[in-house]
Every structure is written in structure tokens, then in C-alpha cells.
């Protein structure tokens, strides 16, 4: 029987330090959003080589997002900020989002020939 070798990927201490600094910066931004909106919850979405999107929904219905360079940094930032993470963006979590006139006109502009908001 042939032996298979599993290669472990290790990162350098410098890369680890960069990832930790990025997670701390994102956590600070998440905390600021949560503070401005009465708390926040989030969901992580993989967006390919660009990284992982951290979607935030405030208790007041405001929403926003941040992009982390990878999933591990996004998870670390969410843990540092203390927000609740959801597995998916549906149900009660999605119902908390409040959209305004800008979002509605922007969606209409993209989908049915409405104003472009350019």
C-alpha cells in the first residue's frame, strides 16, 4: 500500500501578526457599528479570492458589511467583537434588515430599468 503524505500549511509569524492586526481592526469596526445601532448580529459569506464578507445587521435594522481577507480572519474578528453569527442570511435574521429609498431605487435601477443612481 502506498503511503500518502499530508502536507501541513503553516504561515510565517509575520503573516500571523498581519492577520491578527487585521482581525483586531475589523473587530473595532464591528464594535463601532454595533454601538451605533443598538447591537449587531452577523453572517459570514465566502466571496472567492477576495475573502469573506462580514454582513452586519444592527438591532435598529441598519445593515452594512466588511470584507476580511479570509474566513479565519473573519471568524476571529467576529469572536473579538462579541457579535452573534448566523449560519445563513434568512428567516428572522433577514427580517431585521430595514431598507430605505436608496436601496429600493438602486434595486429597481438594476433589475427593471429604474434610475441608475450614478
C-alpha atoms as a PDB file:
ATOM      1  CA  UNK A   1       0.000   0.000   0.000  1.00  0.00           C
ATOM      2  CA  UNK A   2       1.334   3.428  -0.916  1.00  0.00           C
ATOM      3  CA  UNK A   3       1.788   5.907   1.842  1.00  0.00           C
ATOM      4  CA  UNK A   4       0.262   9.301   1.421  1.00  0.00           C
ATOM      5  CA  UNK A   5       1.804  12.355   2.914  1.00  0.00           C
ATOM      6  CA  UNK A   6      -0.377  15.144   4.162  1.00  0.00           C
ATOM      7  CA  UNK A   7       1.308  18.475   3.815  1.00  0.00           C
ATOM      8  CA  UNK A   8       0.614  20.925   6.564  1.00  0.00           C
ATOM      9  CA  UNK A   9       0.371  24.531   5.584  1.00  0.00           C
ATOM     10  CA  UNK A  10       1.973  26.800   8.086  1.00  0.00           C
ATOM     11  CA  UNK A  11       2.168  30.518   7.924  1.00  0.00           C
ATOM     12  CA  UNK A  12       5.023  32.707   8.971  1.00  0.00           C
ATOM     13  CA  UNK A  13       4.986  34.657  12.205  1.00  0.00           C
ATOM     14  CA  UNK A  14       4.795  37.874  10.168  1.00  0.00           C
ATOM     15  CA  UNK A  15       1.708  36.633   8.314  1.00  0.00           C
ATOM     16  CA  UNK A  16       0.123  35.575  11.601  1.00  0.00           C
ATOM     17  CA  UNK A  17       0.784  39.027  13.068  1.00  0.00           C
ATOM     18  CA  UNK A  18      -0.755  40.717   9.992  1.00  0.00           C
ATOM     19  CA  UNK A  19      -3.844  38.504  10.245  1.00  0.00           C
ATOM     20  CA  UNK A  20      -4.177  39.286  13.959  1.00  0.00           C
ATOM     21  CA  UNK A  21      -3.894  43.045  13.313  1.00  0.00           C
ATOM     22  CA  UNK A  22      -6.483  42.843  10.532  1.00  0.00           C
ATOM     23  CA  UNK A  23      -8.874  40.886  12.773  1.00  0.00           C
ATOM     24  CA  UNK A  24      -8.429  43.464  15.544  1.00  0.00           C
ATOM     25  CA  UNK A  25      -9.129  46.327  13.109  1.00  0.00           C
ATOM     26  CA  UNK A  26     -12.256  44.597  11.783  1.00  0.00           C
ATOM     27  CA  UNK A  27     -13.427  43.837  15.337  1.00  0.00           C
ATOM     28  CA  UNK A  28     -13.070  47.523  16.198  1.00  0.00           C
ATOM     29  CA  UNK A  29     -15.196  48.456  13.171  1.00  0.00           C
ATOM     30  CA  UNK A  30     -17.799  45.818  14.051  1.00  0.00           C
ATOM     31  CA  UNK A  31     -17.978  47.113  17.634  1.00  0.00           C
ATOM     32  CA  UNK A  32     -18.402  50.675  16.353  1.00  0.00           C
ATOM     33  CA  UNK A  33     -21.271  49.580  14.092  1.00  0.00           C
ATOM     34  CA  UNK A  34     -22.897  47.645  16.937  1.00  0.00           C
ATOM     35  CA  UNK A  35     -22.520  50.610  19.273  1.00  0.00           C
ATOM     36  CA  UNK A  36     -24.139  52.960  16.776  1.00  0.00           C
ATOM     37  CA  UNK A  37     -27.077  50.628  16.096  1.00  0.00           C
ATOM     38  CA  UNK A  38     -28.004  49.192  19.480  1.00  0.00           C
ATOM     39  CA  UNK A  39     -26.108  45.947  18.971  1.00  0.00           C
ATOM     40  CA  UNK A  40     -25.480  43.801  15.918  1.00  0.00           C
ATOM     41  CA  UNK A  41     -25.552  40.283  14.538  1.00  0.00           C
ATOM     42  CA  UNK A  42     -23.636  38.964  11.574  1.00  0.00           C
ATOM     43  CA  UNK A  43     -23.247  36.347   8.910  1.00  0.00           C
ATOM     44  CA  UNK A  44     -20.100  35.315   7.043  1.00  0.00           C
ATOM     45  CA  UNK A  45     -20.221  34.795   3.288  1.00  0.00           C
ATOM     46  CA  UNK A  46     -17.322  33.461   1.221  1.00  0.00           C
ATOM     47  CA  UNK A  47     -16.730  35.735  -1.788  1.00  0.00           C
ATOM     48  CA  UNK A  48     -13.961  33.870  -3.563  1.00  0.00           C
ATOM     49  CA  UNK A  49     -10.366  35.031  -3.738  1.00  0.00           C
ATOM     50  CA  UNK A  50     -11.369  38.422  -2.338  1.00  0.00           C
ATOM     51  CA  UNK A  51     -12.026  36.817   1.033  1.00  0.00           C
ATOM     52  CA  UNK A  52     -15.036  36.625   3.313  1.00  0.00           C
ATOM     53  CA  UNK A  53     -17.808  39.187   3.604  1.00  0.00           C
ATOM     54  CA  UNK A  54     -18.994  40.017   7.120  1.00  0.00           C
ATOM     55  CA  UNK A  55     -22.615  41.117   6.806  1.00  0.00           C
ATOM     56  CA  UNK A  56     -23.797  43.099   9.826  1.00  0.00           C
ATOM     57  CA  UNK A  57     -27.375  43.848  10.854  1.00  0.00           C
ATOM     58  CA  UNK A  58     -27.980  46.275  13.698  1.00  0.00           C
ATOM     59  CA  UNK A  59     -30.805  45.953  16.210  1.00  0.00           C
ATOM     60  CA  UNK A  60     -32.352  49.047  14.604  1.00  0.00           C
ATOM     61  CA  UNK A  61     -32.430  47.373  11.175  1.00  0.00           C
ATOM     62  CA  UNK A  62     -29.428  49.197   9.720  1.00  0.00           C
ATOM     63  CA  UNK A  63     -27.044  46.984   7.807  1.00  0.00           C
ATOM     64  CA  UNK A  64     -23.548  47.080   6.437  1.00  0.00           C
ATOM     65  CA  UNK A  65     -20.675  44.858   5.526  1.00  0.00           C
ATOM     66  CA  UNK A  66     -16.935  44.479   5.791  1.00  0.00           C
ATOM     67  CA  UNK A  67     -14.536  42.255   3.874  1.00  0.00           C
ATOM     68  CA  UNK A  68     -11.902  40.122   5.575  1.00  0.00           C
ATOM     69  CA  UNK A  69      -9.011  38.659   3.554  1.00  0.00           C
ATOM     70  CA  UNK A  70     -10.012  35.106   4.521  1.00  0.00           C
ATOM     71  CA  UNK A  71     -12.504  33.115   6.570  1.00  0.00           C
ATOM     72  CA  UNK A  72     -10.203  32.646   9.572  1.00  0.00           C
ATOM     73  CA  UNK A  73      -9.678  36.404   9.939  1.00  0.00           C
ATOM     74  CA  UNK A  74     -13.447  36.992   9.622  1.00  0.00           C
ATOM     75  CA  UNK A  75     -14.222  34.436  12.337  1.00  0.00           C
ATOM     76  CA  UNK A  76     -11.508  35.870  14.586  1.00  0.00           C
ATOM     77  CA  UNK A  77     -12.877  39.418  14.121  1.00  0.00           C
ATOM     78  CA  UNK A  78     -16.438  38.301  14.877  1.00  0.00           C
ATOM     79  CA  UNK A  79     -15.292  36.490  18.013  1.00  0.00           C
ATOM     80  CA  UNK A  80     -13.279  39.507  19.200  1.00  0.00           C
ATOM     81  CA  UNK A  81     -16.251  41.818  18.652  1.00  0.00           C
ATOM     82  CA  UNK A  82     -18.657  39.538  20.503  1.00  0.00           C
ATOM     83  CA  UNK A  83     -21.420  39.531  17.894  1.00  0.00           C
ATOM     84  CA  UNK A  84     -23.715  36.582  17.268  1.00  0.00           C
ATOM     85  CA  UNK A  85     -23.017  34.848  13.951  1.00  0.00           C
ATOM     86  CA  UNK A  86     -25.750  33.207  11.896  1.00  0.00           C
ATOM     87  CA  UNK A  87     -25.163  30.287   9.542  1.00  0.00           C
ATOM     88  CA  UNK A  88     -27.313  31.791   6.784  1.00  0.00           C
ATOM     89  CA  UNK A  89     -28.985  35.051   5.902  1.00  0.00           C
ATOM     90  CA  UNK A  90     -32.619  34.039   6.101  1.00  0.00           C
ATOM     91  CA  UNK A  91     -35.629  33.888   8.390  1.00  0.00           C
ATOM     92  CA  UNK A  92     -35.747  36.116  11.441  1.00  0.00           C
ATOM     93  CA  UNK A  93     -32.238  37.435  10.807  1.00  0.00           C
ATOM     94  CA  UNK A  94     -33.036  38.694   7.298  1.00  0.00           C
ATOM     95  CA  UNK A  95     -36.343  40.132   8.506  1.00  0.00           C
ATOM     96  CA  UNK A  96     -34.425  42.525  10.786  1.00  0.00           C
ATOM     97  CA  UNK A  97     -32.961  44.411   7.800  1.00  0.00           C
ATOM     98  CA  UNK A  98     -34.617  47.746   7.058  1.00  0.00           C
ATOM     99  CA  UNK A  99     -34.040  49.177   3.613  1.00  0.00           C
ATOM    100  CA  UNK A 100     -34.559  52.782   2.645  1.00  0.00           C
ATOM    101  CA  UNK A 101     -35.428  54.643  -0.549  1.00  0.00           C
ATOM    102  CA  UNK A 102     -31.848  54.449  -1.826  1.00  0.00           C
ATOM    103  CA  UNK A 103     -31.763  50.651  -1.695  1.00  0.00           C
ATOM    104  CA  UNK A 104     -35.183  50.305  -3.321  1.00  0.00           C
ATOM    105  CA  UNK A 105     -34.363  52.708  -6.158  1.00  0.00           C
ATOM    106  CA  UNK A 106     -30.975  51.071  -6.626  1.00  0.00           C
ATOM    107  CA  UNK A 107     -32.530  47.597  -6.825  1.00  0.00           C
ATOM    108  CA  UNK A 108     -35.145  48.869  -9.282  1.00  0.00           C
ATOM    109  CA  UNK A 109     -32.451  50.542 -11.357  1.00  0.00           C
ATOM    110  CA  UNK A 110     -30.508  47.327 -11.649  1.00  0.00           C
ATOM    111  CA  UNK A 111     -33.406  44.977 -12.249  1.00  0.00           C
ATOM    112  CA  UNK A 112     -36.168  46.787 -14.132  1.00  0.00           C
ATOM    113  CA  UNK A 113     -34.630  49.797 -15.795  1.00  0.00           C
ATOM    114  CA  UNK A 114     -35.227  52.279 -12.977  1.00  0.00           C
ATOM    115  CA  UNK A 115     -32.878  55.118 -12.073  1.00  0.00           C
ATOM    116  CA  UNK A 116     -29.208  54.216 -12.126  1.00  0.00           C
ATOM    117  CA  UNK A 117     -28.175  56.346  -9.122  1.00  0.00           C
ATOM    118  CA  UNK A 118     -24.918  57.032 -10.912  1.00  0.00           C
END
